[in-house]
Amino acid sequence: MGDRVGSISGIMIAFVALIPTIRENIPPSPRIVFIEILVYLNTLTSVFVLVDSLIVRELGDDYQFQWRESGLFLVSAIITVLSFLIIVVMMFLHYFVWKKSYKAKKMENSGSFSRKDWSS
């Protein structure tokens, strides 16, 4: 059991350690940003795995996994798939919509890009 807790804890620490790296690469904001929400949701799936492993441990050796009956697995799978889809949609939006508006704003200011040009 200690190995499970250790590996899940390591994954959760890695997710949380990712937050300062993300903060360094985006404009300063006092509020929580969307990418942090995605990281926290994916950290939550690690907690669900830990809880599910504790439940399975209590059920004994004759336990058989039924994915349709495991609520924690279904929630974790939904969070993971939704996170992936959101990231893909945002990549397309960035490439086809937002990138053009950044270039246009930069051209208007004759090469200088200021903080007020960022909008959310």
N, C-alpha and C. Protein backbone atom coordinates (compact mmCIF):
# COMPACT_ATOMS: atom_id res chain seq x y z
N MET A 1 0.82 -1.20 0.00
CA MET A 1 0.00 0.00 0.00
C MET A 1 0.87 1.26 0.00
N GLY A 2 2.01 1.19 0.66
CA GLY A 2 2.90 2.33 0.72
C GLY A 2 3.42 2.73 -0.65
N ASP A 3 3.64 1.74 -1.52
CA ASP A 3 4.10 2.04 -2.87
C ASP A 3 3.04 2.81 -3.66
N ARG A 4 1.78 2.42 -3.48
CA ARG A 4 0.69 3.12 -4.17
C ARG A 4 0.60 4.57 -3.72
N VAL A 5 0.60 4.76 -2.41
CA VAL A 5 0.50 6.12 -1.87
C VAL A 5 1.71 6.94 -2.31
N GLY A 6 2.88 6.34 -2.31
CA GLY A 6 4.08 7.06 -2.73
C GLY A 6 4.04 7.48 -4.19
N SER A 7 3.60 6.58 -5.06
CA SER A 7 3.57 6.92 -6.48
C SER A 7 2.48 7.94 -6.79
N ILE A 8 1.32 7.80 -6.18
CA ILE A 8 0.23 8.77 -6.41
C ILE A 8 0.63 10.13 -5.83
N SER A 9 1.26 10.13 -4.67
CA SER A 9 1.71 11.40 -4.09
C SER A 9 2.76 12.06 -4.97
N GLY A 10 3.64 11.28 -5.55
CA GLY A 10 4.64 11.82 -6.46
C GLY A 10 4.01 12.48 -7.68
N ILE A 11 3.00 11.85 -8.23
CA ILE A 11 2.29 12.43 -9.37
C ILE A 11 1.60 13.73 -8.97
N MET A 12 0.97 13.74 -7.80
CA MET A 12 0.28 14.96 -7.34
C MET A 12 1.27 16.10 -7.10
N ILE A 13 2.42 15.79 -6.53
CA ILE A 13 3.44 16.82 -6.30
C ILE A 13 3.97 17.35 -7.64
N ALA A 14 4.12 16.47 -8.62
CA ALA A 14 4.57 16.91 -9.94
C ALA A 14 3.56 17.87 -10.56
N PHE A 15 2.26 17.57 -10.43
CA PHE A 15 1.23 18.47 -10.96
C PHE A 15 1.30 19.83 -10.27
N VAL A 16 1.41 19.83 -8.96
CA VAL A 16 1.44 21.09 -8.22
C VAL A 16 2.72 21.86 -8.51
N ALA A 17 3.83 21.16 -8.72
CA ALA A 17 5.09 21.83 -9.05
C ALA A 17 5.04 22.45 -10.45
N LEU A 18 4.11 22.01 -11.26
CA LEU A 18 3.96 22.55 -12.60
C LEU A 18 3.37 23.97 -12.58
N ILE A 19 2.63 24.32 -11.53
CA ILE A 19 1.96 25.62 -11.45
C ILE A 19 2.95 26.80 -11.53
N PRO A 20 4.05 26.84 -10.77
CA PRO A 20 4.98 27.97 -10.91
C PRO A 20 5.57 28.09 -12.32
N THR A 21 5.82 26.97 -12.96
CA THR A 21 6.33 27.00 -14.33
C THR A 21 5.32 27.62 -15.27
N ILE A 22 4.07 27.28 -15.09
CA ILE A 22 3.00 27.86 -15.90
C ILE A 22 2.91 29.35 -15.65
N ARG A 23 2.97 29.75 -14.38
CA ARG A 23 2.86 31.18 -14.01
C ARG A 23 3.99 32.01 -14.62
N GLU A 24 5.17 31.43 -14.78
CA GLU A 24 6.29 32.16 -15.37
C GLU A 24 6.08 32.46 -16.84
N ASN A 25 5.29 31.63 -17.52
CA ASN A 25 5.14 31.74 -18.96
C ASN A 25 3.87 32.45 -19.41
N ILE A 26 3.10 32.98 -18.49
CA ILE A 26 1.90 33.72 -18.86
C ILE A 26 1.97 35.11 -18.25
N PRO A 27 1.19 36.06 -18.78
CA PRO A 27 1.19 37.40 -18.18
C PRO A 27 0.73 37.35 -16.72
N PRO A 28 1.27 38.22 -15.87
CA PRO A 28 0.90 38.21 -14.46
C PRO A 28 -0.60 38.43 -14.26
N SER A 29 -1.18 37.66 -13.37
CA SER A 29 -2.60 37.77 -13.06
C SER A 29 -2.81 37.36 -11.61
N PRO A 30 -3.56 38.16 -10.83
CA PRO A 30 -3.79 37.77 -9.44
C PRO A 30 -4.83 36.66 -9.31
N ARG A 31 -5.59 36.42 -10.36
CA ARG A 31 -6.64 35.41 -10.31
C ARG A 31 -6.12 34.07 -10.81
N ILE A 32 -6.87 33.03 -10.51
CA ILE A 32 -6.53 31.70 -11.00
C ILE A 32 -6.83 31.66 -12.50
N VAL A 33 -5.94 31.07 -13.27
CA VAL A 33 -6.11 31.02 -14.71
C VAL A 33 -6.62 29.64 -15.12
N PHE A 34 -7.11 29.57 -16.34
CA PHE A 34 -7.77 28.35 -16.81
C PHE A 34 -6.85 27.14 -16.81
N ILE A 35 -5.60 27.31 -17.19
CA ILE A 35 -4.68 26.18 -17.23
C ILE A 35 -4.44 25.62 -15.83
N GLU A 36 -4.48 26.48 -14.81
CA GLU A 36 -4.34 25.99 -13.44
C GLU A 36 -5.54 25.13 -13.06
N ILE A 37 -6.71 25.52 -13.50
CA ILE A 37 -7.91 24.72 -13.22
C ILE A 37 -7.76 23.34 -13.85
N LEU A 38 -7.25 23.28 -15.08
CA LEU A 38 -7.02 21.98 -15.72
C LEU A 38 -6.01 21.14 -14.94
N VAL A 39 -4.95 21.76 -14.46
CA VAL A 39 -3.95 21.02 -13.69
C VAL A 39 -4.55 20.50 -12.40
N TYR A 40 -5.34 21.34 -11.71
CA TYR A 40 -5.97 20.89 -10.47
C TYR A 40 -6.97 19.76 -10.72
N LEU A 41 -7.71 19.83 -11.81
CA LEU A 41 -8.65 18.75 -12.14
C LEU A 41 -7.90 17.44 -12.40
N ASN A 42 -6.78 17.53 -13.09
CA ASN A 42 -6.00 16.31 -13.33
C ASN A 42 -5.33 15.80 -12.06
N THR A 43 -5.02 16.69 -11.13
CA THR A 43 -4.54 16.25 -9.82
C THR A 43 -5.64 15.53 -9.07
N LEU A 44 -6.85 16.02 -9.22
CA LEU A 44 -8.01 15.39 -8.57
C LEU A 44 -8.19 13.95 -9.05
N THR A 45 -7.90 13.70 -10.32
CA THR A 45 -8.02 12.33 -10.81
C THR A 45 -7.01 11.41 -10.10
N SER A 46 -5.86 11.94 -9.74
CA SER A 46 -4.88 11.14 -8.99
C SER A 46 -5.42 10.80 -7.60
N VAL A 47 -6.11 11.75 -6.99
CA VAL A 47 -6.73 11.48 -5.68
C VAL A 47 -7.79 10.40 -5.83
N PHE A 48 -8.57 10.46 -6.92
CA PHE A 48 -9.59 9.43 -7.15
C PHE A 48 -8.96 8.05 -7.30
N VAL A 49 -7.82 7.97 -7.96
CA VAL A 49 -7.13 6.69 -8.11
C VAL A 49 -6.70 6.16 -6.75
N LEU A 50 -6.18 7.05 -5.91
CA LEU A 50 -5.76 6.63 -4.57
C LEU A 50 -6.94 6.13 -3.75
N VAL A 51 -8.05 6.85 -3.78
CA VAL A 51 -9.24 6.42 -3.04
C VAL A 51 -9.75 5.09 -3.58
N ASP A 52 -9.78 4.95 -4.90
CA ASP A 52 -10.25 3.70 -5.49
C ASP A 52 -9.36 2.54 -5.12
N SER A 53 -8.04 2.76 -5.04
CA SER A 53 -7.16 1.66 -4.65
C SER A 53 -7.38 1.26 -3.19
N LEU A 54 -7.76 2.22 -2.35
CA LEU A 54 -8.08 1.88 -0.96
C LEU A 54 -9.37 1.06 -0.89
N ILE A 55 -10.35 1.42 -1.71
CA ILE A 55 -11.61 0.67 -1.73
C ILE A 55 -11.37 -0.75 -2.23
N VAL A 56 -10.57 -0.90 -3.28
CA VAL A 56 -10.29 -2.23 -3.83
C VAL A 56 -9.56 -3.09 -2.81
N ARG A 57 -8.69 -2.48 -2.05
CA ARG A 57 -7.93 -3.22 -1.03
C ARG A 57 -8.87 -3.83 0.01
N GLU A 58 -9.92 -3.10 0.35
CA GLU A 58 -10.87 -3.59 1.35
C GLU A 58 -11.76 -4.70 0.81
N LEU A 59 -11.94 -4.77 -0.51
CA LEU A 59 -12.85 -5.77 -1.10
C LEU A 59 -12.25 -7.16 -1.17
N GLY A 60 -10.97 -7.27 -1.07
CA GLY A 60 -10.34 -8.59 -1.02
C GLY A 60 -9.79 -9.05 -2.36
N ASP A 61 -9.36 -10.33 -2.38
CA ASP A 61 -8.68 -10.90 -3.55
C ASP A 61 -9.62 -11.26 -4.69
N ASP A 62 -10.90 -11.49 -4.40
CA ASP A 62 -11.82 -11.92 -5.45
C ASP A 62 -12.48 -10.75 -6.20
N TYR A 63 -11.93 -9.56 -6.03
CA TYR A 63 -12.48 -8.36 -6.68
C TYR A 63 -12.21 -8.40 -8.18
N GLN A 64 -13.23 -8.07 -8.98
CA GLN A 64 -13.08 -7.92 -10.42
C GLN A 64 -13.55 -6.53 -10.81
N PHE A 65 -12.73 -5.86 -11.61
CA PHE A 65 -13.02 -4.48 -11.99
C PHE A 65 -14.14 -4.43 -13.03
N GLN A 66 -15.16 -3.65 -12.74
CA GLN A 66 -16.25 -3.39 -13.67
C GLN A 66 -16.28 -1.88 -13.91
N TRP A 67 -15.77 -1.42 -15.04
CA TRP A 67 -15.60 0.02 -15.27
C TRP A 67 -16.93 0.76 -15.30
N ARG A 68 -18.00 0.11 -15.68
CA ARG A 68 -19.31 0.79 -15.73
C ARG A 68 -19.88 1.03 -14.34
N GLU A 69 -19.39 0.30 -13.35
CA GLU A 69 -19.90 0.43 -12.00
C GLU A 69 -18.99 1.27 -11.10
N SER A 70 -17.81 1.60 -11.58
CA SER A 70 -16.85 2.36 -10.78
C SER A 70 -17.04 3.86 -11.04
N GLY A 71 -17.67 4.54 -10.09
CA GLY A 71 -17.93 5.96 -10.23
C GLY A 71 -16.67 6.80 -10.30
N LEU A 72 -15.67 6.46 -9.48
CA LEU A 72 -14.42 7.22 -9.49
C LEU A 72 -13.69 7.08 -10.82
N PHE A 73 -13.72 5.88 -11.39
CA PHE A 73 -13.09 5.69 -12.69
C PHE A 73 -13.81 6.50 -13.76
N LEU A 74 -15.15 6.46 -13.75
CA LEU A 74 -15.91 7.20 -14.76
C LEU A 74 -15.68 8.70 -14.65
N VAL A 75 -15.66 9.23 -13.43
CA VAL A 75 -15.41 10.66 -13.25
C VAL A 75 -14.00 11.02 -13.71
N SER A 76 -13.03 10.19 -13.37
CA SER A 76 -11.65 10.43 -13.80
C SER A 76 -11.52 10.38 -15.32
N ALA A 77 -12.17 9.42 -15.94
CA ALA A 77 -12.12 9.32 -17.40
C ALA A 77 -12.78 10.52 -18.06
N ILE A 78 -13.90 10.97 -17.53
CA ILE A 78 -14.59 12.13 -18.08
C ILE A 78 -13.73 13.38 -17.94
N ILE A 79 -13.12 13.57 -16.78
CA ILE A 79 -12.24 14.74 -16.57
C ILE A 79 -11.07 14.70 -17.55
N THR A 80 -10.46 13.54 -17.74
CA THR A 80 -9.32 13.42 -18.64
C THR A 80 -9.70 13.69 -20.09
N VAL A 81 -10.80 13.12 -20.54
CA VAL A 81 -11.24 13.31 -21.92
C VAL A 81 -11.65 14.77 -22.15
N LEU A 82 -12.38 15.36 -21.21
CA LEU A 82 -12.78 16.76 -21.35
C LEU A 82 -11.56 17.69 -21.36
N SER A 83 -10.59 17.42 -20.52
CA SER A 83 -9.37 18.24 -20.50
C SER A 83 -8.67 18.17 -21.85
N PHE A 84 -8.56 16.97 -22.40
CA PHE A 84 -7.93 16.80 -23.70
C PHE A 84 -8.68 17.55 -24.79
N LEU A 85 -10.00 17.41 -24.81
CA LEU A 85 -10.80 18.10 -25.82
C LEU A 85 -10.71 19.61 -25.70
N ILE A 86 -10.74 20.11 -24.48
CA ILE A 86 -10.63 21.56 -24.26
C ILE A 86 -9.29 22.08 -24.75
N ILE A 87 -8.23 21.34 -24.48
CA ILE A 87 -6.90 21.77 -24.92
C ILE A 87 -6.81 21.77 -26.44
N VAL A 88 -7.36 20.75 -27.09
CA VAL A 88 -7.33 20.69 -28.55
C VAL A 88 -8.13 21.86 -29.15
N VAL A 89 -9.32 22.12 -28.61
CA VAL A 89 -10.14 23.23 -29.11
C VAL A 89 -9.42 24.56 -28.92
N MET A 90 -8.80 24.74 -27.76
CA MET A 90 -8.09 26.00 -27.52
C MET A 90 -6.86 26.14 -28.42
N MET A 91 -6.22 25.04 -28.77
CA MET A 91 -5.10 25.12 -29.71
C MET A 91 -5.58 25.60 -31.08
N PHE A 92 -6.70 25.05 -31.54
CA PHE A 92 -7.25 25.49 -32.82
C PHE A 92 -7.70 26.95 -32.76
N LEU A 93 -8.35 27.34 -31.67
CA LEU A 93 -8.76 28.73 -31.51
C LEU A 93 -7.56 29.67 -31.52
N HIS A 94 -6.53 29.27 -30.83
CA HIS A 94 -5.33 30.09 -30.79
C HIS A 94 -4.73 30.26 -32.18
N TYR A 95 -4.62 29.16 -32.89
CA TYR A 95 -3.97 29.21 -34.19
C TYR A 95 -4.80 29.97 -35.22
N PHE A 96 -6.11 29.73 -35.24
CA PHE A 96 -6.94 30.30 -36.30
C PHE A 96 -7.61 31.62 -35.94
N VAL A 97 -7.77 31.95 -34.66
CA VAL A 97 -8.51 33.16 -34.27
C VAL A 97 -7.62 34.12 -33.49
N TRP A 98 -7.11 33.69 -32.35
CA TRP A 98 -6.43 34.60 -31.43
C TRP A 98 -5.09 35.06 -31.95
N LYS A 99 -4.36 34.21 -32.63
CA LYS A 99 -3.02 34.56 -33.13
C LYS A 99 -3.10 35.74 -34.09
N LYS A 100 -4.13 35.78 -34.93
CA LYS A 100 -4.31 36.87 -35.87
C LYS A 100 -4.56 38.20 -35.15
N SER A 101 -5.34 38.15 -34.08
CA SER A 101 -5.63 39.40 -33.35
C SER A 101 -4.39 39.89 -32.60
N TYR A 102 -3.53 39.01 -32.13
CA TYR A 102 -2.28 39.43 -31.48
C TYR A 102 -1.37 40.13 -32.48
N LYS A 103 -1.27 39.56 -33.68
CA LYS A 103 -0.42 40.18 -34.70
C LYS A 103 -0.98 41.54 -35.11
N ALA A 104 -2.29 41.66 -35.22
CA ALA A 104 -2.89 42.93 -35.63
C ALA A 104 -2.64 44.00 -34.57
N LYS A 105 -2.78 43.67 -33.31
CA LYS A 105 -2.54 44.64 -32.24
C LYS A 105 -1.08 45.05 -32.20
N LYS A 106 -0.18 44.11 -32.46
CA LYS A 106 1.23 44.42 -32.44
C LYS A 106 1.59 45.37 -33.59
N MET A 107 1.00 45.17 -34.74
CA MET A 107 1.26 46.03 -35.89
C MET A 107 0.76 47.45 -35.64
N GLU A 108 -0.40 47.60 -34.99
CA GLU A 108 -0.97 48.92 -34.73
C GLU A 108 -0.06 49.75 -33.85
N ASN A 109 0.63 49.13 -32.92
CA ASN A 109 1.49 49.85 -31.98
C ASN A 109 2.91 50.01 -32.51
N SER A 110 3.10 49.80 -33.77
CA SER A 110 4.40 49.94 -34.42
C SER A 110 5.52 49.14 -33.73
N GLY A 111 5.22 47.89 -33.47
CA GLY A 111 6.25 47.02 -32.94
C GLY A 111 6.29 46.90 -31.43
N SER A 112 5.61 47.75 -30.70
CA SER A 112 5.62 47.61 -29.24
C SER A 112 4.33 46.94 -28.80
N PHE A 113 4.46 46.07 -27.86
CA PHE A 113 3.31 45.31 -27.35
C PHE A 113 3.20 45.56 -25.87
N SER A 114 2.11 46.17 -25.43
CA SER A 114 1.98 46.55 -24.03
C SER A 114 0.99 45.64 -23.31
N ARG A 115 0.99 45.73 -22.02
CA ARG A 115 0.12 44.90 -21.16
C ARG A 115 -1.35 45.16 -21.45
N LYS A 116 -1.72 46.37 -21.79
CA LYS A 116 -3.13 46.68 -22.03
C LYS A 116 -3.69 45.98 -23.27
N ASP A 117 -2.81 45.46 -24.15
CA ASP A 117 -3.26 44.75 -25.32
C ASP A 117 -3.82 43.37 -25.00
N TRP A 118 -3.44 42.83 -23.84
CA TRP A 118 -3.94 41.52 -23.44
C TRP A 118 -5.36 41.67 -22.93
N SER A 119 -6.23 40.83 -23.39
CA SER A 119 -7.61 40.84 -22.88
C SER A 119 -8.03 39.40 -22.64
N SER A 120 -8.96 39.24 -21.72
CA SER A 120 -9.42 37.88 -21.43
C SER A 120 -10.90 37.79 -21.59
